Amino acid sequence: QVQLAESGGGLVQAGGSLRLSCAGSGTVFNVATVDWYRQAPGKERDLVARITGGDMTNYGEFVKGRFTISRDKAKKAVFLQMNSLEPEDTAVYYCHLKYLKDYWGQGTQVTVSA
């Protein structure tokens, strides 16, 4: 059984930074691919960043070098460091893992003011 819990969202001004955390449980968390998705009101859920069990990463095109995904296997956590935030980054950010089925966290709100 996998459980995911996001934290670290909040309100920040444009140009600022936030670090999101996804705390995981379950024996597969450290070997599975973990994603960050985001969903703004009225829009589809988009992939923000992905990290594999072997620590390979990829990012959505809109990230443009501003975000970094990483993981700490000792802590069973995946992080998303977000810099140079823009109002367009405002969304609920979700942690996701797929192992036989999809697992999602409850989401954390990120609001970027102009």
C-alpha atoms as a PDB file:
ATOM      1  CA  GLN A   1       0.000   0.000   0.000  1.00  0.00           C
ATOM      2  CA  VAL A   2       1.309   3.437  -0.959  1.00  0.00           C
ATOM      3  CA  GLN A   3       0.411   6.711   0.707  1.00  0.00           C
ATOM      4  CA  LEU A   4       1.554  10.118  -0.467  1.00  0.00           C
ATOM      5  CA  ALA A   5       1.377  13.387   1.447  1.00  0.00           C
ATOM      6  CA  GLU A   6       2.347  16.744  -0.050  1.00  0.00           C
ATOM      7  CA  SER A   7       3.401  19.820   1.880  1.00  0.00           C
ATOM      8  CA  GLY A   8       5.154  23.104   1.303  1.00  0.00           C
ATOM      9  CA  GLY A   9       2.628  25.037  -0.733  1.00  0.00           C
ATOM     10  CA  GLY A  10       1.653  28.575   0.028  1.00  0.00           C
ATOM     11  CA  LEU A  11       1.387  32.137  -1.209  1.00  0.00           C
ATOM     12  CA  VAL A  12       4.454  33.717  -2.778  1.00  0.00           C
ATOM     13  CA  GLN A  13       5.134  36.767  -4.913  1.00  0.00           C
ATOM     14  CA  ALA A  14       6.199  36.447  -8.540  1.00  0.00           C
ATOM     15  CA  GLY A  15       9.908  35.728  -8.738  1.00  0.00           C
ATOM     16  CA  GLY A  16       9.889  33.912  -5.421  1.00  0.00           C
ATOM     17  CA  SER A  17      10.578  30.302  -4.533  1.00  0.00           C
ATOM     18  CA  LEU A  18       8.873  27.385  -2.847  1.00  0.00           C
ATOM     19  CA  ARG A  19       9.973  23.856  -2.019  1.00  0.00           C
ATOM     20  CA  LEU A  20       7.309  21.194  -2.130  1.00  0.00           C
ATOM     21  CA  SER A  21       7.714  17.881  -0.368  1.00  0.00           C
ATOM     22  CA  CYS A  22       6.056  14.535  -1.020  1.00  0.00           C
ATOM     23  CA  ALA A  23       6.367  12.115   1.869  1.00  0.00           C
ATOM     24  CA  GLY A  24       5.791   8.538   0.827  1.00  0.00           C
ATOM     25  CA  SER A  25       5.162   5.223   2.459  1.00  0.00           C
ATOM     26  CA  GLY A  26       5.225   1.664   1.200  1.00  0.00           C
ATOM     27  CA  THR A  27       8.002  -0.614   0.107  1.00  0.00           C
ATOM     28  CA  VAL A  28       7.965   0.523  -3.531  1.00  0.00           C
ATOM     29  CA  PHE A  29       8.266   4.264  -2.972  1.00  0.00           C
ATOM     30  CA  ASN A  30      12.038   4.421  -3.294  1.00  0.00           C
ATOM     31  CA  VAL A  31      12.193   2.317  -6.450  1.00  0.00           C
ATOM     32  CA  ALA A  32       9.185   3.719  -8.263  1.00  0.00           C
ATOM     33  CA  THR A  33       8.903   6.700 -10.569  1.00  0.00           C
ATOM     34  CA  VAL A  34       7.348   9.620  -8.721  1.00  0.00           C
ATOM     35  CA  ASP A  35       5.772  12.582 -10.482  1.00  0.00           C
ATOM     36  CA  TRP A  36       4.618  16.058  -9.614  1.00  0.00           C
ATOM     37  CA  TYR A  37       1.498  17.176 -11.447  1.00  0.00           C
ATOM     38  CA  ARG A  38      -0.410  20.423 -11.187  1.00  0.00           C
ATOM     39  CA  GLN A  39      -3.945  21.478 -11.904  1.00  0.00           C
ATOM     40  CA  ALA A  40      -5.191  25.034 -12.195  1.00  0.00           C
ATOM     41  CA  PRO A  41      -8.927  25.843 -11.983  1.00  0.00           C
ATOM     42  CA  GLY A  42     -10.712  24.862 -15.171  1.00  0.00           C
ATOM     43  CA  LYS A  43      -7.603  23.245 -16.663  1.00  0.00           C
ATOM     44  CA  GLU A  44      -6.311  19.734 -17.104  1.00  0.00           C
ATOM     45  CA  ARG A  45      -3.812  18.156 -14.777  1.00  0.00           C
ATOM     46  CA  ASP A  46      -0.321  18.608 -16.267  1.00  0.00           C
ATOM     47  CA  LEU A  47       2.920  16.811 -15.594  1.00  0.00           C
ATOM     48  CA  VAL A  48       5.421  19.144 -13.928  1.00  0.00           C
ATOM     49  CA  ALA A  49       8.364  16.858 -13.211  1.00  0.00           C
ATOM     50  CA  ARG A  50       9.262  13.197 -12.946  1.00  0.00           C
ATOM     51  CA  ILE A  51      12.002  11.263 -11.193  1.00  0.00           C
ATOM     52  CA  THR A  52      12.644   7.567 -11.716  1.00  0.00           C
ATOM     53  CA  GLY A  53      13.883   5.033  -9.208  1.00  0.00           C
ATOM     54  CA  GLY A  54      17.306   5.507 -10.762  1.00  0.00           C
ATOM     55  CA  ASP A  55      17.062   9.300 -10.298  1.00  0.00           C
ATOM     56  CA  MET A  56      16.597  10.171 -13.943  1.00  0.00           C
ATOM     57  CA  THR A  57      14.483  13.287 -14.322  1.00  0.00           C
ATOM     58  CA  ASN A  58      12.363  15.071 -16.860  1.00  0.00           C
ATOM     59  CA  TYR A  59      10.191  18.158 -16.823  1.00  0.00           C
ATOM     60  CA  GLY A  60       7.212  19.751 -18.463  1.00  0.00           C
ATOM     61  CA  GLU A  61       8.111  22.212 -21.200  1.00  0.00           C
ATOM     62  CA  PHE A  62       6.734  25.135 -19.224  1.00  0.00           C
ATOM     63  CA  VAL A  63       9.273  24.551 -16.424  1.00  0.00           C
ATOM     64  CA  LYS A  64      12.081  26.053 -18.539  1.00  0.00           C
ATOM     65  CA  GLY A  65      14.830  25.275 -16.031  1.00  0.00           C
ATOM     66  CA  ARG A  66      13.072  26.907 -13.089  1.00  0.00           C
ATOM     67  CA  PHE A  67      12.170  23.758 -11.125  1.00  0.00           C
ATOM     68  CA  THR A  68      14.247  20.873  -9.832  1.00  0.00           C
ATOM     69  CA  ILE A  69      12.930  17.503  -8.705  1.00  0.00           C
ATOM     70  CA  SER A  70      14.960  15.390  -6.311  1.00  0.00           C
ATOM     71  CA  ARG A  71      14.491  12.561  -3.861  1.00  0.00           C
ATOM     72  CA  ASP A  72      15.871  11.473  -0.518  1.00  0.00           C
ATOM     73  CA  LYS A  73      15.511   7.723  -0.225  1.00  0.00           C
ATOM     74  CA  ALA A  74      16.524   7.673   3.420  1.00  0.00           C
ATOM     75  CA  LYS A  75      13.589   9.982   4.191  1.00  0.00           C
ATOM     76  CA  LYS A  76      11.264   8.406   1.597  1.00  0.00           C
ATOM     77  CA  ALA A  77      10.589  11.810   0.156  1.00  0.00           C
ATOM     78  CA  VAL A  78      10.545  13.561  -3.200  1.00  0.00           C
ATOM     79  CA  PHE A  79      11.010  17.303  -3.454  1.00  0.00           C
ATOM     80  CA  LEU A  80      10.173  19.968  -6.011  1.00  0.00           C
ATOM     81  CA  GLN A  81      12.246  23.120  -5.726  1.00  0.00           C
ATOM     82  CA  MET A  82      10.474  25.883  -7.617  1.00  0.00           C
ATOM     83  CA  ASN A  83      12.296  29.119  -8.397  1.00  0.00           C
ATOM     84  CA  SER A  84      11.361  32.188 -10.436  1.00  0.00           C
ATOM     85  CA  LEU A  85       7.692  31.478  -9.850  1.00  0.00           C
ATOM     86  CA  GLU A  86       5.153  33.164 -12.089  1.00  0.00           C
ATOM     87  CA  PRO A  87       1.428  33.804 -11.576  1.00  0.00           C
ATOM     88  CA  GLU A  88       0.825  31.121 -14.218  1.00  0.00           C
ATOM     89  CA  ASP A  89       2.303  28.567 -11.818  1.00  0.00           C
ATOM     90  CA  THR A  90      -0.684  29.003  -9.519  1.00  0.00           C
ATOM     91  CA  ALA A  91      -2.291  25.585  -9.123  1.00  0.00           C
ATOM     92  CA  VAL A  92      -2.797  22.652  -6.826  1.00  0.00           C
ATOM     93  CA  TYR A  93       0.310  20.482  -6.989  1.00  0.00           C
ATOM     94  CA  TYR A  94      -0.065  16.734  -6.610  1.00  0.00           C
ATOM     95  CA  CYS A  95       2.391  13.942  -5.979  1.00  0.00           C
ATOM     96  CA  HIS A  96       1.751  10.788  -8.012  1.00  0.00           C
ATOM     97  CA  LEU A  97       3.095   7.252  -8.162  1.00  0.00           C
ATOM     98  CA  LYS A  98       1.969   4.389 -10.342  1.00  0.00           C
ATOM     99  CA  TYR A  99       2.507   0.830  -9.146  1.00  0.00           C
ATOM    100  CA  LEU A 100      -0.172  -1.561 -10.386  1.00  0.00           C
ATOM    101  CA  LYS A 101      -2.519   1.385  -9.957  1.00  0.00           C
ATOM    102  CA  ASP A 102      -2.348   5.158  -9.599  1.00  0.00           C
ATOM    103  CA  TYR A 103      -1.693   6.734  -6.220  1.00  0.00           C
ATOM    104  CA  TRP A 104      -2.234  10.439  -5.589  1.00  0.00           C
ATOM    105  CA  GLY A 105      -1.664  12.709  -2.651  1.00  0.00           C
ATOM    106  CA  GLN A 106      -4.240  15.208  -1.459  1.00  0.00           C
ATOM    107  CA  GLY A 107      -2.471  18.115  -3.153  1.00  0.00           C
ATOM    108  CA  THR A 108      -0.944  21.355  -1.925  1.00  0.00           C
ATOM    109  CA  GLN A 109      -2.008  24.796  -3.107  1.00  0.00           C
ATOM    110  CA  VAL A 110       0.566  27.090  -4.665  1.00  0.00           C
ATOM    111  CA  THR A 111      -0.513  30.671  -5.277  1.00  0.00           C
ATOM    112  CA  VAL A 112       1.787  33.151  -6.988  1.00  0.00           C
ATOM    113  CA  SER A 113       0.773  36.790  -6.848  1.00  0.00           C
ATOM    114  CA  ALA A 114       1.791  39.296  -9.494  1.00  0.00           C
END
